[in-house]
Amino acid sequence: MTKGTLSIVVLGAFAALSLAPRPARAEFVYVRPAPNPFARPHFYMGAEVVGVAVVGETGPRSFLDHGGGFNLFVGGRINRVFALELGWQPTFHNNQTDIFGERVSTVGLDALTVDGKFYPLYGPIQPYLTVGAGLYLLGDNFSVLAEGPGYQIGAGIDFWITRHVSLGLKAQYRGVALVDYDVFRDNTYLSLITGSGNLTVRF
């Protein structure tokens, strides 16, 4: 075999190797899991109907009867286990009437609250624990009669109808220390139980 023929054979072998099919390689592709629509960080707002039972009052006079009202709230789900919520809850008590059946007196208890909500489950049905504090103001149609700090602790459950709408139930104990500004200047501690049902819109 001549030198030229050997060169041609070697070049042909290299060409054949370069054109031969290469074995397939398995490639790893990372697929990001879909976010949980029921535990995603989001902003929400809603309203609820509230009933109030007065279970205890300290001080020389018992002045507050059972009542009811509503609560307007806004909040944010920070992560899958925690949400922070601001609320305004006016409730109405002592609806006294005259001999003609006309309402003559209503006492209102307003609560401005901040609550933390803790979620152990993340599905379409989500129970939670809630704890918070607030400012409570007692007054009539004309003035604030007493005010003071309070706290609330309780539990609730949300039923997600869609990823943007939920219905819920909640029960809380509320402890309120009121300073009375009338001539007697009585200090009163209220023990309240509230129960509510709500509609929440989520963004």
Protein backbone atom coordinates (compact mmCIF):
# COMPACT_ATOMS: atom_id res chain seq x y z
CA MET A 1 0.00 0.00 0.00
CA THR A 2 1.43 3.26 -1.05
CA LYS A 3 1.71 6.27 1.20
CA GLY A 4 -0.97 8.11 -0.79
CA THR A 5 -3.39 5.20 -0.56
CA LEU A 6 -2.83 4.99 3.22
CA SER A 7 -3.65 8.69 3.60
CA ILE A 8 -6.88 8.23 1.66
CA VAL A 9 -7.91 5.29 3.88
CA VAL A 10 -7.20 7.22 7.10
CA LEU A 11 -9.16 10.27 5.91
CA GLY A 12 -12.08 8.04 4.91
CA ALA A 13 -12.09 6.42 8.34
CA PHE A 14 -12.20 9.83 10.09
CA ALA A 15 -15.04 10.94 7.79
CA ALA A 16 -17.03 7.79 8.53
CA LEU A 17 -16.60 8.24 12.28
CA SER A 18 -17.68 11.86 12.12
CA LEU A 19 -20.85 10.96 10.20
CA ALA A 20 -21.79 7.99 12.38
CA PRO A 21 -24.88 8.59 14.62
CA ARG A 22 -24.02 9.45 18.21
CA PRO A 23 -25.74 7.66 21.10
CA ALA A 24 -28.65 9.67 22.59
CA ARG A 25 -28.03 11.38 25.95
CA ALA A 26 -30.75 11.76 28.55
CA GLU A 27 -31.09 15.41 29.59
CA PHE A 28 -32.55 16.47 32.99
CA VAL A 29 -35.24 19.16 32.70
CA TYR A 30 -36.44 20.86 35.90
CA VAL A 31 -40.18 21.48 35.98
CA ARG A 32 -41.28 24.03 38.58
CA PRO A 33 -44.27 22.72 40.56
CA ALA A 34 -47.50 24.66 40.13
CA PRO A 35 -48.15 27.02 43.10
CA ASN A 36 -50.91 26.03 45.52
CA PRO A 37 -53.81 28.40 44.65
CA PHE A 38 -55.16 28.13 48.21
CA ALA A 39 -51.91 29.09 49.96
CA ARG A 40 -50.42 31.64 47.58
CA PRO A 41 -49.39 35.08 48.89
CA HIS A 42 -52.24 37.45 48.08
CA PHE A 43 -54.29 40.45 49.21
CA TYR A 44 -57.88 40.00 50.37
CA MET A 45 -60.85 41.98 51.69
CA GLY A 46 -64.26 41.06 53.02
CA ALA A 47 -67.23 41.60 55.30
CA GLU A 48 -68.90 39.55 57.98
CA VAL A 49 -72.03 39.54 60.13
CA VAL A 50 -71.20 39.46 63.85
CA GLY A 51 -73.12 38.43 66.96
CA VAL A 52 -71.84 39.41 70.43
CA ALA A 53 -72.55 37.69 73.75
CA VAL A 54 -71.51 39.52 76.91
CA VAL A 55 -70.32 36.80 79.31
CA GLY A 56 -68.79 39.00 82.02
CA GLU A 57 -68.50 42.60 83.24
CA THR A 58 -66.54 43.92 86.20
CA GLY A 59 -67.23 47.22 87.92
CA PRO A 60 -70.15 48.59 89.91
CA ARG A 61 -72.60 48.63 86.99
CA SER A 62 -73.56 46.21 84.23
CA PHE A 63 -74.37 48.42 81.29
CA LEU A 64 -73.82 46.39 78.13
CA ASP A 65 -76.31 43.87 76.75
CA HIS A 66 -75.80 41.29 74.03
CA GLY A 67 -75.72 42.76 70.55
CA GLY A 68 -74.66 42.40 66.97
CA GLY A 69 -73.18 44.24 64.04
CA PHE A 70 -70.69 43.71 61.26
CA ASN A 71 -66.97 43.65 60.52
CA LEU A 72 -65.09 45.03 57.51
CA PHE A 73 -61.56 43.72 57.04
CA VAL A 74 -58.56 43.77 54.73
CA GLY A 75 -55.53 41.55 54.93
CA GLY A 76 -52.61 39.87 53.25
CA ARG A 77 -51.53 36.25 53.11
CA ILE A 78 -47.80 36.62 53.74
CA ASN A 79 -46.96 32.98 53.11
CA ARG A 80 -48.73 29.66 53.22
CA VAL A 81 -48.98 29.58 57.04
CA PHE A 82 -49.51 33.22 58.07
CA ALA A 83 -51.78 36.16 57.24
CA LEU A 84 -52.06 39.65 58.76
CA GLU A 85 -55.48 41.30 58.96
CA LEU A 86 -56.88 44.75 59.88
CA GLY A 87 -60.52 45.09 60.90
CA TRP A 88 -63.20 47.58 61.90
CA GLN A 89 -66.05 46.02 63.86
CA PRO A 90 -68.97 48.16 65.04
CA THR A 91 -71.60 46.35 67.13
CA PHE A 92 -74.81 47.74 68.63
CA HIS A 93 -76.24 47.10 72.09
CA ASN A 94 -78.92 48.30 74.52
CA ASN A 95 -81.63 49.00 71.97
CA GLN A 96 -84.16 50.52 74.36
CA THR A 97 -87.64 51.51 73.20
CA ASP A 98 -90.32 53.79 74.60
CA ILE A 99 -93.97 52.88 75.27
CA PHE A 100 -94.75 53.43 71.59
CA GLY A 101 -92.12 50.94 70.44
CA GLU A 102 -89.79 53.62 69.09
CA ARG A 103 -86.06 53.11 69.57
CA VAL A 104 -84.69 55.73 71.95
CA SER A 105 -81.21 54.50 72.88
CA THR A 106 -78.42 52.55 71.21
CA VAL A 107 -74.91 52.02 72.55
CA GLY A 108 -72.20 51.15 70.05
CA LEU A 109 -68.93 49.29 70.65
CA ASP A 110 -66.36 49.87 67.91
CA ALA A 111 -63.25 47.71 67.61
CA LEU A 112 -60.20 48.61 65.51
CA THR A 113 -58.13 45.44 65.42
CA VAL A 114 -54.95 43.82 64.11
CA ASP A 115 -54.96 40.01 63.93
CA GLY A 116 -52.49 37.34 62.94
CA LYS A 117 -53.96 34.19 61.38
CA PHE A 118 -52.12 30.85 61.38
CA TYR A 119 -53.05 28.12 58.88
CA PRO A 120 -52.00 24.48 59.51
CA LEU A 121 -53.68 23.20 56.30
CA TYR A 122 -53.49 24.56 52.77
CA GLY A 123 -56.36 22.95 50.82
CA PRO A 124 -59.77 24.35 49.78
CA ILE A 125 -60.97 23.90 53.40
CA GLN A 126 -58.64 25.78 55.73
CA PRO A 127 -59.03 25.96 59.51
CA TYR A 128 -56.97 28.61 61.28
CA LEU A 129 -56.10 30.11 64.66
CA THR A 130 -56.24 33.86 65.18
CA VAL A 131 -54.79 36.15 67.85
CA GLY A 132 -54.62 39.93 67.96
CA ALA A 133 -55.12 43.20 69.78
CA GLY A 134 -57.11 46.36 69.25
CA LEU A 135 -58.58 49.64 70.42
CA TYR A 136 -62.19 49.51 71.63
CA LEU A 137 -64.47 52.55 71.86
CA LEU A 138 -67.89 52.64 73.52
CA GLY A 139 -70.27 55.46 72.68
CA ASP A 140 -73.71 56.65 71.70
CA ASN A 141 -74.83 58.76 68.77
CA PHE A 142 -73.18 61.85 70.22
CA SER A 143 -69.90 61.04 71.94
CA VAL A 144 -67.37 58.42 73.08
CA LEU A 145 -68.24 57.33 76.61
CA ALA A 146 -65.35 54.96 77.27
CA GLU A 147 -62.36 53.48 75.50
CA GLY A 148 -59.48 51.15 76.11
CA PRO A 149 -57.27 48.35 74.83
CA GLY A 150 -58.38 44.82 74.20
CA TYR A 151 -57.27 41.52 72.78
CA GLN A 152 -58.96 38.74 70.88
CA ILE A 153 -58.17 35.08 70.37
CA GLY A 154 -60.09 32.41 68.53
CA ALA A 155 -60.39 30.07 65.58
CA GLY A 156 -62.16 29.89 62.27
CA ILE A 157 -62.47 28.02 59.01
CA ASP A 158 -62.48 29.16 55.37
CA PHE A 159 -64.28 27.32 52.58
CA TRP A 160 -62.79 28.32 49.22
CA ILE A 161 -65.51 28.42 46.55
CA THR A 162 -63.05 29.48 43.84
CA ARG A 163 -59.44 30.67 43.99
CA HIS A 164 -60.80 34.22 44.41
CA VAL A 165 -63.84 33.79 46.71
CA SER A 166 -64.30 32.06 50.07
CA LEU A 167 -66.94 31.76 52.77
CA GLY A 168 -65.97 31.47 56.42
CA LEU A 169 -67.00 31.04 60.05
CA LYS A 170 -65.14 32.42 63.07
CA ALA A 171 -65.49 32.50 66.87
CA GLN A 172 -63.41 34.66 69.22
CA TYR A 173 -63.05 35.56 72.87
CA ARG A 174 -62.49 39.28 73.41
CA GLY A 175 -61.17 40.86 76.58
CA VAL A 176 -61.68 44.63 76.76
CA ALA A 177 -60.50 47.06 79.48
CA LEU A 178 -62.63 50.22 79.25
CA VAL A 179 -62.03 53.51 81.06
CA ASP A 180 -65.36 55.30 81.56
CA TYR A 181 -65.31 59.07 81.09
CA ASP A 182 -68.61 59.90 82.80
CA VAL A 183 -68.88 61.46 86.27
CA PHE A 184 -68.38 58.11 88.02
CA ARG A 185 -65.21 57.27 86.08
CA ASP A 186 -65.75 53.54 86.40
CA ASN A 187 -63.20 51.13 84.95
CA THR A 188 -64.82 48.07 83.41
CA TYR A 189 -63.44 44.83 82.00
CA LEU A 190 -65.67 43.16 79.41
CA SER A 191 -65.55 39.49 78.52
CA LEU A 192 -67.17 38.96 75.13
CA ILE A 193 -67.74 36.02 72.81
CA THR A 194 -68.24 36.87 69.14
CA GLY A 195 -69.39 34.60 66.35
CA SER A 196 -69.41 35.57 62.69
CA GLY A 197 -69.90 34.45 59.13
CA ASN A 198 -67.99 36.14 56.32
CA LEU A 199 -67.52 36.53 52.59
CA THR A 200 -63.95 37.15 51.39
CA VAL A 201 -62.73 38.27 47.97
CA ARG A 202 -59.12 37.35 47.19
CA PHE A 203 -56.80 38.89 44.61
